PDB file of N, CA and C in Angstrom:
ATOM      1  N   MET A   1      88.993 108.714  93.679  1.00  0.00           N
ATOM      2  CA  MET A   1      90.363 109.034  93.999  1.00  0.00           C
ATOM      3  C   MET A   1      91.219 107.805  93.752  1.00  0.00           C
ATOM      4  N   VAL A   2      92.365 108.020  93.203  1.00  0.00           N
ATOM      5  CA  VAL A   2      93.301 106.927  92.971  1.00  0.00           C
ATOM      6  C   VAL A   2      94.710 107.504  93.011  1.00  0.00           C
ATOM      7  N   SER A   3      95.659 106.668  93.325  1.00  0.00           N
ATOM      8  CA  SER A   3      97.056 107.097  93.318  1.00  0.00           C
ATOM      9  C   SER A   3      97.838 106.145  92.412  1.00  0.00           C
ATOM     10  N   ARG A   4      99.000 106.566  92.007  1.00  0.00           N
ATOM     11  CA  ARG A   4      99.828 105.744  91.125  1.00  0.00           C
ATOM     12  C   ARG A   4     100.082 104.349  91.716  1.00  0.00           C
ATOM     13  N   PRO A   5     100.441 104.231  93.008  1.00  0.00           N
ATOM     14  CA  PRO A   5     100.648 102.886  93.558  1.00  0.00           C
ATOM     15  C   PRO A   5      99.396 102.003  93.482  1.00  0.00           C
ATOM     16  N   LEU A   6      98.207 102.588  93.629  1.00  0.00           N
ATOM     17  CA  LEU A   6      96.990 101.792  93.533  1.00  0.00           C
ATOM     18  C   LEU A   6      96.733 101.348  92.097  1.00  0.00           C
ATOM     19  N   LEU A   7      96.963 102.228  91.136  1.00  0.00           N
ATOM     20  CA  LEU A   7      96.825 101.837  89.726  1.00  0.00           C
ATOM     21  C   LEU A   7      97.821 100.746  89.362  1.00  0.00           C
ATOM     22  N   ASP A   8      99.054 100.894  89.830  1.00  0.00           N
ATOM     23  CA  ASP A   8     100.085  99.893  89.543  1.00  0.00           C
ATOM     24  C   ASP A   8      99.735  98.545  90.160  1.00  0.00           C
ATOM     25  N   GLU A   9      99.217  98.560  91.388  1.00  0.00           N
ATOM     26  CA  GLU A   9      98.820  97.323  92.068  1.00  0.00           C
ATOM     27  C   GLU A   9      97.674  96.649  91.321  1.00  0.00           C
ATOM     28  N   PHE A  10      96.690  97.433  90.881  1.00  0.00           N
ATOM     29  CA  PHE A  10      95.583  96.881  90.107  1.00  0.00           C
ATOM     30  C   PHE A  10      96.108  96.192  88.850  1.00  0.00           C
ATOM     31  N   THR A  11      97.011  96.846  88.148  1.00  0.00           N
ATOM     32  CA  THR A  11      97.560  96.290  86.917  1.00  0.00           C
ATOM     33  C   THR A  11      98.324  94.999  87.192  1.00  0.00           C
ATOM     34  N   ARG A  12      99.130  94.981  88.266  1.00  0.00           N
ATOM     35  CA  ARG A  12      99.894  93.768  88.618  1.00  0.00           C
ATOM     36  C   ARG A  12      98.958  92.616  88.978  1.00  0.00           C
ATOM     37  N   VAL A  13      97.981  92.882  89.802  1.00  0.00           N
ATOM     38  CA  VAL A  13      97.073  91.821  90.244  1.00  0.00           C
ATOM     39  C   VAL A  13      96.229  91.325  89.074  1.00  0.00           C
ATOM     40  N   ALA A  14      95.752  92.226  88.247  1.00  0.00           N
ATOM     41  CA  ALA A  14      94.918  91.841  87.111  1.00  0.00           C
ATOM     42  C   ALA A  14      95.675  90.989  86.100  1.00  0.00           C
ATOM     43  N   ALA A  15      96.986  91.099  86.082  1.00  0.00           N
ATOM     44  CA  ALA A  15      97.793  90.339  85.131  1.00  0.00           C
ATOM     45  C   ALA A  15      98.093  88.919  85.614  1.00  0.00           C
ATOM     46  N   ARG A  16      97.679  88.570  86.812  1.00  0.00           N
ATOM     47  CA  ARG A  16      97.944  87.225  87.343  1.00  0.00           C
ATOM     48  C   ARG A  16      97.234  86.170  86.498  1.00  0.00           C
ATOM     49  N   PRO A  17      97.900  85.045  86.295  1.00  0.00           N
ATOM     50  CA  PRO A  17      97.322  83.977  85.460  1.00  0.00           C
ATOM     51  C   PRO A  17      95.947  83.510  85.912  1.00  0.00           C
ATOM     52  N   ALA A  18      95.664  83.521  87.194  1.00  0.00           N
ATOM     53  CA  ALA A  18      94.358  83.058  87.683  1.00  0.00           C
ATOM     54  C   ALA A  18      93.213  83.855  87.075  1.00  0.00           C
ATOM     55  N   PHE A  19      93.425  85.151  86.877  1.00  0.00           N
ATOM     56  CA  PHE A  19      92.385  85.973  86.276  1.00  0.00           C
ATOM     57  C   PHE A  19      92.256  85.697  84.782  1.00  0.00           C
ATOM     58  N   ALA A  20      93.376  85.565  84.116  1.00  0.00           N
ATOM     59  CA  ALA A  20      93.366  85.336  82.673  1.00  0.00           C
ATOM     60  C   ALA A  20      92.702  84.001  82.329  1.00  0.00           C
ATOM     61  N   LYS A  21      92.840  82.996  83.197  1.00  0.00           N
ATOM     62  CA  LYS A  21      92.223  81.694  82.949  1.00  0.00           C
ATOM     63  C   LYS A  21      90.709  81.778  82.972  1.00  0.00           C
ATOM     64  N   ARG A  22      90.174  82.665  83.781  1.00  0.00           N
ATOM     65  CA  ARG A  22      88.718  82.773  83.923  1.00  0.00           C
ATOM     66  C   ARG A  22      88.069  83.501  82.758  1.00  0.00           C
ATOM     67  N   LEU A  23      88.802  84.424  82.177  1.00  0.00           N
ATOM     68  CA  LEU A  23      88.236  85.218  81.094  1.00  0.00           C
ATOM     69  C   LEU A  23      89.342  85.518  80.090  1.00  0.00           C
ATOM     70  N   ALA A  24      89.211  84.972  78.913  1.00  0.00           N
ATOM     71  CA  ALA A  24      90.266  85.077  77.911  1.00  0.00           C
ATOM     72  C   ALA A  24      90.653  86.513  77.599  1.00  0.00           C
ATOM     73  N   THR A  25      89.699  87.421  77.667  1.00  0.00           N
ATOM     74  CA  THR A  25      89.981  88.813  77.324  1.00  0.00           C
ATOM     75  C   THR A  25      90.281  89.668  78.558  1.00  0.00           C
ATOM     76  N   TRP A  26      90.407  89.039  79.727  1.00  0.00           N
ATOM     77  CA  TRP A  26      90.549  89.785  80.972  1.00  0.00           C
ATOM     78  C   TRP A  26      91.739  90.734  80.973  1.00  0.00           C
ATOM     79  N   THR A  27      92.901  90.287  80.546  1.00  0.00           N
ATOM     80  CA  THR A  27      94.097  91.128  80.616  1.00  0.00           C
ATOM     81  C   THR A  27      93.887  92.433  79.849  1.00  0.00           C
ATOM     82  N   ALA A  28      93.339  92.338  78.649  1.00  0.00           N
ATOM     83  CA  ALA A  28      93.086  93.541  77.853  1.00  0.00           C
ATOM     84  C   ALA A  28      92.012  94.407  78.511  1.00  0.00           C
ATOM     85  N   GLU A  29      90.982  93.778  79.055  1.00  0.00           N
ATOM     86  CA  GLU A  29      89.917  94.538  79.720  1.00  0.00           C
ATOM     87  C   GLU A  29      90.442  95.232  80.972  1.00  0.00           C
ATOM     88  N   ALA A  30      91.283  94.553  81.723  1.00  0.00           N
ATOM     89  CA  ALA A  30      91.858  95.147  82.935  1.00  0.00           C
ATOM     90  C   ALA A  30      92.746  96.330  82.576  1.00  0.00           C
ATOM     91  N   ALA A  31      93.524  96.201  81.525  1.00  0.00           N
ATOM     92  CA  ALA A  31      94.385  97.305  81.091  1.00  0.00           C
ATOM     93  C   ALA A  31      93.537  98.494  80.649  1.00  0.00           C
ATOM     94  N   ALA A  32      92.444  98.216  79.955  1.00  0.00           N
ATOM     95  CA  ALA A  32      91.544  99.293  79.515  1.00  0.00           C
ATOM     96  C   ALA A  32      90.885  99.971  80.716  1.00  0.00           C
ATOM     97  N   LEU A  33      90.493  99.185  81.706  1.00  0.00           N
ATOM     98  CA  LEU A  33      89.890  99.755  82.911  1.00  0.00           C
ATOM     99  C   LEU A  33      90.896 100.629  83.655  1.00  0.00           C
ATOM    100  N   ALA A  34      92.125 100.169  83.795  1.00  0.00           N
ATOM    101  CA  ALA A  34      93.160 100.968  84.456  1.00  0.00           C
ATOM    102  C   ALA A  34      93.381 102.284  83.710  1.00  0.00           C
ATOM    103  N   ALA A  35      93.383 102.237  82.380  1.00  0.00           N
ATOM    104  CA  ALA A  35      93.562 103.459  81.580  1.00  0.00           C
ATOM    105  C   ALA A  35      92.383 104.414  81.782  1.00  0.00           C
ATOM    106  N   ARG A  36      91.156 103.876  81.826  1.00  0.00           N
ATOM    107  CA  ARG A  36      89.978 104.729  82.065  1.00  0.00           C
ATOM    108  C   ARG A  36      90.032 105.356  83.454  1.00  0.00           C
ATOM    109  N   LEU A  37      90.425 104.567  84.441  1.00  0.00           N
ATOM    110  CA  LEU A  37      90.561 105.109  85.793  1.00  0.00           C
ATOM    111  C   LEU A  37      91.569 106.247  85.817  1.00  0.00           C
ATOM    112  N   GLU A  38      92.668 106.041  85.146  1.00  0.00           N
ATOM    113  CA  GLU A  38      93.716 107.071  85.139  1.00  0.00           C
ATOM    114  C   GLU A  38      93.223 108.354  84.475  1.00  0.00           C
ATOM    115  N   ARG A  39      92.411 108.220  83.437  1.00  0.00           N
ATOM    116  CA  ARG A  39      91.886 109.402  82.742  1.00  0.00           C
ATOM    117  C   ARG A  39      90.780 110.087  83.526  1.00  0.00           C
ATOM    118  N   ARG A  40      89.907 109.316  84.171  1.00  0.00           N
ATOM    119  CA  ARG A  40      88.694 109.877  84.761  1.00  0.00           C
ATOM    120  C   ARG A  40      88.757 110.123  86.260  1.00  0.00           C
ATOM    121  N   ALA A  41      89.548 109.353  86.959  1.00  0.00           N
ATOM    122  CA  ALA A  41      89.613 109.512  88.419  1.00  0.00           C
ATOM    123  C   ALA A  41      90.531 110.680  88.764  1.00  0.00           C
ATOM    124  N   THR A  42      90.388 111.168  89.958  1.00  0.00           N
ATOM    125  CA  THR A  42      91.297 112.183  90.447  1.00  0.00           C
ATOM    126  C   THR A  42      92.556 111.489  90.933  1.00  0.00           C
ATOM    127  N   LEU A  43      93.680 111.825  90.330  1.00  0.00           N
ATOM    128  CA  LEU A  43      94.953 111.212  90.692  1.00  0.00           C
ATOM    129  C   LEU A  43      95.546 111.977  91.871  1.00  0.00           C
ATOM    130  N   VAL A  44      95.771 111.270  92.965  1.00  0.00           N
ATOM    131  CA  VAL A  44      96.281 111.854  94.196  1.00  0.00           C
ATOM    132  C   VAL A  44      97.756 111.484  94.333  1.00  0.00           C
ATOM    133  N   GLU A  45      98.573 112.473  94.599  1.00  0.00           N
ATOM    134  CA  GLU A  45      99.997 112.221  94.854  1.00  0.00           C
ATOM    135  C   GLU A  45     100.164 111.786  96.303  1.00  0.00           C
ATOM    136  N   ILE A  46     100.868 110.674  96.498  1.00  0.00           N
ATOM    137  CA  ILE A  46     101.139 110.232  97.862  1.00  0.00           C
ATOM    138  C   ILE A  46     102.641 110.118  98.070  1.00  0.00           C
ATOM    139  N   ALA A  47     103.043 110.187  99.329  1.00  0.00           N
ATOM    140  CA  ALA A  47     104.471 110.205  99.666  1.00  0.00           C
ATOM    141  C   ALA A  47     104.984 108.876 100.195  1.00  0.00           C
ATOM    142  N   GLY A  48     104.086 107.919 100.423  1.00  0.00           N
ATOM    143  CA  GLY A  48     104.523 106.630 100.952  1.00  0.00           C
ATOM    144  C   GLY A  48     104.598 106.597 102.469  1.00  0.00           C
ATOM    145  N   VAL A  49     103.708 107.339 103.111  1.00  0.00           N
ATOM    146  CA  VAL A  49     103.667 107.395 104.571  1.00  0.00           C
ATOM    147  C   VAL A  49     103.203 106.047 105.121  1.00  0.00           C
ATOM    148  N   SER A  50     103.793 105.619 106.221  1.00  0.00           N
ATOM    149  CA  SER A  50     103.386 104.388 106.884  1.00  0.00           C
ATOM    150  C   SER A  50     102.340 104.698 107.942  1.00  0.00           C
ATOM    151  N   TYR A  51     101.237 103.959 107.882  1.00  0.00           N
ATOM    152  CA  TYR A  51     100.173 104.123 108.868  1.00  0.00           C
ATOM    153  C   TYR A  51     100.073 102.907 109.782  1.00  0.00           C
ATOM    154  N   GLY A  52     101.037 102.006 109.677  1.00  0.00           N
ATOM    155  CA  GLY A  52     101.079 100.838 110.548  1.00  0.00           C
ATOM    156  C   GLY A  52     100.073  99.764 110.204  1.00  0.00           C
ATOM    157  N   CYS A  53      99.654  99.722 108.957  1.00  0.00           N
ATOM    158  CA  CYS A  53      98.702  98.716 108.526  1.00  0.00           C
ATOM    159  C   CYS A  53      99.374  97.341 108.559  1.00  0.00           C
ATOM    160  N   ARG A  54      98.600  96.305 108.860  1.00  0.00           N
ATOM    161  CA  ARG A  54      99.169  94.943 108.904  1.00  0.00           C
ATOM    162  C   ARG A  54      99.813  94.569 107.580  1.00  0.00           C
ATOM    163  N   ASP A  55      99.224  94.991 106.472  1.00  0.00           N
ATOM    164  CA  ASP A  55      99.809  94.781 105.147  1.00  0.00           C
ATOM    165  C   ASP A  55     100.352  96.134 104.699  1.00  0.00           C
ATOM    166  N   PRO A  56     101.672  96.302 104.708  1.00  0.00           N
ATOM    167  CA  PRO A  56     102.256  97.609 104.373  1.00  0.00           C
ATOM    168  C   PRO A  56     101.804  98.180 103.025  1.00  0.00           C
ATOM    169  N   LYS A  57     101.433  97.323 102.071  1.00  0.00           N
ATOM    170  CA  LYS A  57     100.945  97.818 100.780  1.00  0.00           C
ATOM    171  C   LYS A  57      99.637  98.595 100.944  1.00  0.00           C
ATOM    172  N   ASP A  58      98.882  98.259 101.982  1.00  0.00           N
ATOM    173  CA  ASP A  58      97.600  98.937 102.207  1.00  0.00           C
ATOM    174  C   ASP A  58      97.765 100.350 102.744  1.00  0.00           C
ATOM    175  N   ASP A  59      98.963 100.696 103.193  1.00  0.00           N
ATOM    176  CA  ASP A  59      99.201 102.069 103.624  1.00  0.00           C
ATOM    177  C   ASP A  59      98.940 103.050 102.483  1.00  0.00           C
ATOM    178  N   ALA A  60      99.194 102.612 101.245  1.00  0.00           N
ATOM    179  CA  ALA A  60      98.932 103.477 100.083  1.00  0.00           C
ATOM    180  C   ALA A  60      97.443 103.760  99.934  1.00  0.00           C
ATOM    181  N   VAL A  61      96.609 102.795 100.267  1.00  0.00           N
ATOM    182  CA  VAL A  61      95.156 102.992 100.198  1.00  0.00           C
ATOM    183  C   VAL A  61      94.740 104.038 101.233  1.00  0.00           C
ATOM    184  N   ILE A  62      95.264 103.889 102.448  1.00  0.00           N
ATOM    185  CA  ILE A  62      94.941 104.824 103.519  1.00  0.00           C
ATOM    186  C   ILE A  62      95.401 106.228 103.154  1.00  0.00           C
ATOM    187  N   GLU A  63      96.639 106.348 102.674  1.00  0.00           N
ATOM    188  CA  GLU A  63      97.165 107.671 102.324  1.00  0.00           C
ATOM    189  C   GLU A  63      96.392 108.289 101.164  1.00  0.00           C
ATOM    190  N   THR A  64      95.986 107.475 100.195  1.00  0.00           N
ATOM    191  CA  THR A  64      95.196 107.986  99.076  1.00  0.00           C
ATOM    192  C   THR A  64      93.864 108.545  99.578  1.00  0.00           C
ATOM    193  N   ALA A  65      93.220 107.817 100.476  1.00  0.00           N
ATOM    194  CA  ALA A  65      91.944 108.288 101.039  1.00  0.00           C
ATOM    195  C   ALA A  65      92.137 109.584 101.812  1.00  0.00           C
ATOM    196  N   LEU A  66      93.186 109.645 102.622  1.00  0.00           N
ATOM    197  CA  LEU A  66      93.428 110.846 103.421  1.00  0.00           C
ATOM    198  C   LEU A  66      93.768 112.044 102.551  1.00  0.00           C
ATOM    199  N   ARG A  67      94.692 111.873 101.619  1.00  0.00           N
ATOM    200  CA  ARG A  67      95.095 112.998 100.766  1.00  0.00           C
ATOM    201  C   ARG A  67      93.992 113.402  99.794  1.00  0.00           C
ATOM    202  N   GLY A  68      93.170 112.427  99.411  1.00  0.00           N
ATOM    203  CA  GLY A  68      92.061 112.719  98.506  1.00  0.00           C
ATOM    204  C   GLY A  68      90.839 113.259  99.214  1.00  0.00           C
ATOM    205  N   ARG A  69      90.897 113.281 100.547  1.00  0.00           N
ATOM    206  CA  ARG A  69      89.797 113.784 101.370  1.00  0.00           C
ATOM    207  C   ARG A  69      88.452 113.177 100.973  1.00  0.00           C
ATOM    208  N   VAL A  70      88.447 111.854 100.888  1.00  0.00           N
ATOM    209  CA  VAL A  70      87.229 111.142 100.524  1.00  0.00           C
ATOM    210  C   VAL A  70      86.276 111.089 101.710  1.00  0.00           C
ATOM    211  N   GLN A  71      85.029 110.796 101.440  1.00  0.00           N
ATOM    212  CA  GLN A  71      84.044 110.626 102.514  1.00  0.00           C
ATOM    213  C   GLN A  71      84.034 109.192 103.016  1.00  0.00           C
ATOM    214  N   TYR A  72      84.256 108.243 102.098  1.00  0.00           N
ATOM    215  CA  TYR A  72      84.199 106.828 102.419  1.00  0.00           C
ATOM    216  C   TYR A  72      85.416 106.108 101.868  1.00  0.00           C
ATOM    217  N   LEU A  73      85.888 105.125 102.607  1.00  0.00           N
ATOM    218  CA  LEU A  73      86.829 104.159 102.068  1.00  0.00           C
ATOM    219  C   LEU A  73      86.070 102.838 102.108  1.00  0.00           C
ATOM    220  N   VAL A  74      85.722 102.335 100.928  1.00  0.00           N
ATOM    221  CA  VAL A  74      84.912 101.127 100.806  1.00  0.00           C
ATOM    222  C   VAL A  74      85.836  99.973 100.434  1.00  0.00           C
ATOM    223  N   THR A  75      85.834  98.933 101.274  1.00  0.00           N
ATOM    224  CA  THR A  75      86.747  97.820 101.056  1.00  0.00           C
ATOM    225  C   THR A  75      86.220  96.542 101.691  1.00  0.00           C
ATOM    226  N   GLY A  76      86.709  95.435 101.202  1.00  0.00           N
ATOM    227  CA  GLY A  76      86.452  94.136 101.814  1.00  0.00           C
ATOM    228  C   GLY A  76      87.734  93.557 102.380  1.00  0.00           C
ATOM    229  N   ASP A  77      88.819  94.298 102.244  1.00  0.00           N
ATOM    230  CA  ASP A  77      90.142  93.864 102.703  1.00  0.00           C
ATOM    231  C   ASP A  77      90.182  93.880 104.233  1.00  0.00           C
ATOM    232  N   GLN A  78      90.361  92.712 104.832  1.00  0.00           N
ATOM    233  CA  GLN A  78      90.342  92.604 106.293  1.00  0.00           C
ATOM    234  C   GLN A  78      91.449  93.416 106.957  1.00  0.00           C
ATOM    235  N   ASP A  79      92.593  93.560 106.304  1.00  0.00           N
ATOM    236  CA  ASP A  79      93.665  94.378 106.872  1.00  0.00           C
ATOM    237  C   ASP A  79      93.245  95.843 106.963  1.00  0.00           C
ATOM    238  N   LEU A  80      92.483  96.307 105.991  1.00  0.00           N
ATOM    239  CA  LEU A  80      92.020  97.688 106.010  1.00  0.00           C
ATOM    240  C   LEU A  80      90.817  97.875 106.932  1.00  0.00           C
ATOM    241  N   LEU A  81      90.064  96.815 107.182  1.00  0.00           N
ATOM    242  CA  LEU A  81      88.898  96.912 108.055  1.00  0.00           C
ATOM    243  C   LEU A  81      89.272  96.818 109.540  1.00  0.00           C
ATOM    244  N   ASP A  82      90.544  96.834 109.820  1.00  0.00           N
ATOM    245  CA  ASP A  82      91.056  96.795 111.186  1.00  0.00           C
ATOM    246  C   ASP A  82      90.618  98.042 111.962  1.00  0.00           C
ATOM    247  N   ALA A  83      90.370  97.877 113.250  1.00  0.00           N
ATOM    248  CA  ALA A  83      89.919  98.997 114.095  1.00  0.00           C
ATOM    249  C   ALA A  83      90.928 100.143 114.115  1.00  0.00           C
ATOM    250  N   HIS A  84      92.226  99.837 114.081  1.00  0.00           N
ATOM    251  CA  HIS A  84      93.266 100.877 114.069  1.00  0.00           C
ATOM    252  C   HIS A  84      93.121 101.767 112.838  1.00  0.00           C
ATOM    253  N   VAL A  85      92.849 101.157 111.712  1.00  0.00           N
ATOM    254  CA  VAL A  85      92.664 101.922 110.469  1.00  0.00           C
ATOM    255  C   VAL A  85      91.407 102.777 110.573  1.00  0.00           C
ATOM    256  N   ALA A  86      90.327 102.201 111.105  1.00  0.00           N
ATOM    257  CA  ALA A  86      89.074 102.946 111.248  1.00  0.00           C
ATOM    258  C   ALA A  86      89.269 104.182 112.115  1.00  0.00           C
ATOM    259  N   VAL A  87      90.010 104.048 113.207  1.00  0.00           N
ATOM    260  CA  VAL A  87      90.261 105.192 114.091  1.00  0.00           C
ATOM    261  C   VAL A  87      91.028 106.279 113.341  1.00  0.00           C
ATOM    262  N   THR A  88      92.048 105.874 112.594  1.00  0.00           N
ATOM    263  CA  THR A  88      92.847 106.834 111.819  1.00  0.00           C
ATOM    264  C   THR A  88      91.978 107.583 110.824  1.00  0.00           C
ATOM    265  N   LEU A  89      91.162 106.850 110.083  1.00  0.00           N
ATOM    266  CA  LEU A  89      90.309 107.478 109.073  1.00  0.00           C
ATOM    267  C   LEU A  89      89.209 108.325 109.703  1.00  0.00           C
ATOM    268  N   ASN A  90      88.583 107.797 110.750  1.00  0.00           N
ATOM    269  CA  ASN A  90      87.509 108.552 111.420  1.00  0.00           C
ATOM    270  C   ASN A  90      88.005 109.889 111.960  1.00  0.00           C
ATOM    271  N   ALA A  91      89.256 109.931 112.398  1.00  0.00           N
ATOM    272  CA  ALA A  91      89.834 111.185 112.902  1.00  0.00           C
ATOM    273  C   ALA A  91      89.888 112.248 111.808  1.00  0.00           C
ATOM    274  N   HIS A  92      89.804 111.808 110.551  1.00  0.00           N
ATOM    275  CA  HIS A  92      89.831 112.729 109.410  1.00  0.00           C
ATOM    276  C   HIS A  92      88.467 112.814 108.726  1.00  0.00           C
ATOM    277  N   GLY A  93      87.451 112.308 109.396  1.00  0.00           N
ATOM    278  CA  GLY A  93      86.099 112.390 108.850  1.00  0.00           C
ATOM    279  C   GLY A  93      85.797 111.395 107.753  1.00  0.00           C
ATOM    280  N   ILE A  94      86.570 110.326 107.660  1.00  0.00           N
ATOM    281  CA  ILE A  94      86.374 109.314 106.623  1.00  0.00           C
ATOM    282  C   ILE A  94      85.752 108.073 107.253  1.00  0.00           C
ATOM    283  N   LEU A  95      84.642 107.616 106.675  1.00  0.00           N
ATOM    284  CA  LEU A  95      83.990 106.420 107.156  1.00  0.00           C
ATOM    285  C   LEU A  95      84.565 105.203 106.448  1.00  0.00           C
ATOM    286  N   LEU A  96      85.026 104.246 107.211  1.00  0.00           N
ATOM    287  CA  LEU A  96      85.532 102.981 106.689  1.00  0.00           C
ATOM    288  C   LEU A  96      84.371 101.995 106.674  1.00  0.00           C
ATOM    289  N   THR A  97      84.078 101.417 105.515  1.00  0.00           N
ATOM    290  CA  THR A  97      82.912 100.554 105.395  1.00  0.00           C
ATOM    291  C   THR A  97      83.111  99.503 104.311  1.00  0.00           C
ATOM    292  N   THR A  98      82.249  98.504 104.322  1.00  0.00           N
ATOM    293  CA  THR A  98      82.225  97.518 103.238  1.00  0.00           C
ATOM    294  C   THR A  98      81.182  97.966 102.223  1.00  0.00           C
ATOM    295  N   ALA A  99      81.244  97.421 101.028  1.00  0.00           N
ATOM    296  CA  ALA A  99      80.265  97.763  99.991  1.00  0.00           C
ATOM    297  C   ALA A  99      78.862  97.374 100.447  1.00  0.00           C
ATOM    298  N   ARG A 100      78.718  96.210 101.047  1.00  0.00           N
ATOM    299  CA  ARG A 100      77.410  95.736 101.506  1.00  0.00           C
ATOM    300  C   ARG A 100      76.807  96.706 102.529  1.00  0.00           C
ATOM    301  N   THR A 101      77.618  97.131 103.489  1.00  0.00           N
ATOM    302  CA  THR A 101      77.132  98.047 104.519  1.00  0.00           C
ATOM    303  C   THR A 101      76.765  99.400 103.925  1.00  0.00           C
ATOM    304  N   LEU A 102      77.572  99.903 103.010  1.00  0.00           N
ATOM    305  CA  LEU A 102      77.287 101.194 102.395  1.00  0.00           C
ATOM    306  C   LEU A 102      76.005 101.142 101.563  1.00  0.00           C
ATOM    307  N   VAL A 103      75.830 100.092 100.790  1.00  0.00           N
ATOM    308  CA  VAL A 103      74.619  99.965  99.970  1.00  0.00           C
ATOM    309  C   VAL A 103      73.393  99.898 100.873  1.00  0.00           C
ATOM    310  N   ALA A 104      73.477  99.137 101.949  1.00  0.00           N
ATOM    311  CA  ALA A 104      72.352  99.039 102.884  1.00  0.00           C
ATOM    312  C   ALA A 104      72.043 100.409 103.499  1.00  0.00           C
ATOM    313  N   LYS A 105      73.080 101.140 103.859  1.00  0.00           N
ATOM    314  CA  LYS A 105      72.890 102.468 104.458  1.00  0.00           C
ATOM    315  C   LYS A 105      72.242 103.429 103.458  1.00  0.00           C
ATOM    316  N   LEU A 106      72.699 103.398 102.219  1.00  0.00           N
ATOM    317  CA  LEU A 106      72.157 104.288 101.200  1.00  0.00           C
ATOM    318  C   LEU A 106      70.723 103.928 100.811  1.00  0.00           C
ATOM    319  N   ALA A 107      70.359 102.671 100.996  1.00  0.00           N
ATOM    320  CA  ALA A 107      69.011 102.222 100.646  1.00  0.00           C
ATOM    321  C   ALA A 107      67.976 102.610 101.692  1.00  0.00           C
ATOM    322  N   GLN A 108      68.409 103.036 102.864  1.00  0.00           N
ATOM    323  CA  GLN A 108      67.474 103.398 103.939  1.00  0.00           C
ATOM    324  C   GLN A 108      66.747 104.681 103.627  1.00  0.00           C
TER     325      GLN A 108
END
């Protein structure tokens, strides 16, 4: 699941000079990845609802997960790993987890 604000954020962040310095072809690769995501992922329309996240930009992630009715929201973002966010997502049957925790759970 992805929404337009999440694709736009990925494109903006990927274009930062710090990324381009590490890999000469990064900007083109990031643009190609964003295009593949847009073609292959389910695009969810969001309205810009505020969920009271510490970082207001992360509200788009929460709304995308809710509207997309995902099972998991996997993140390392500390603002999204907040207990308030977990309660909101859990009320809708969405498990908030890190990649490490999810991989460990799936390996059991």
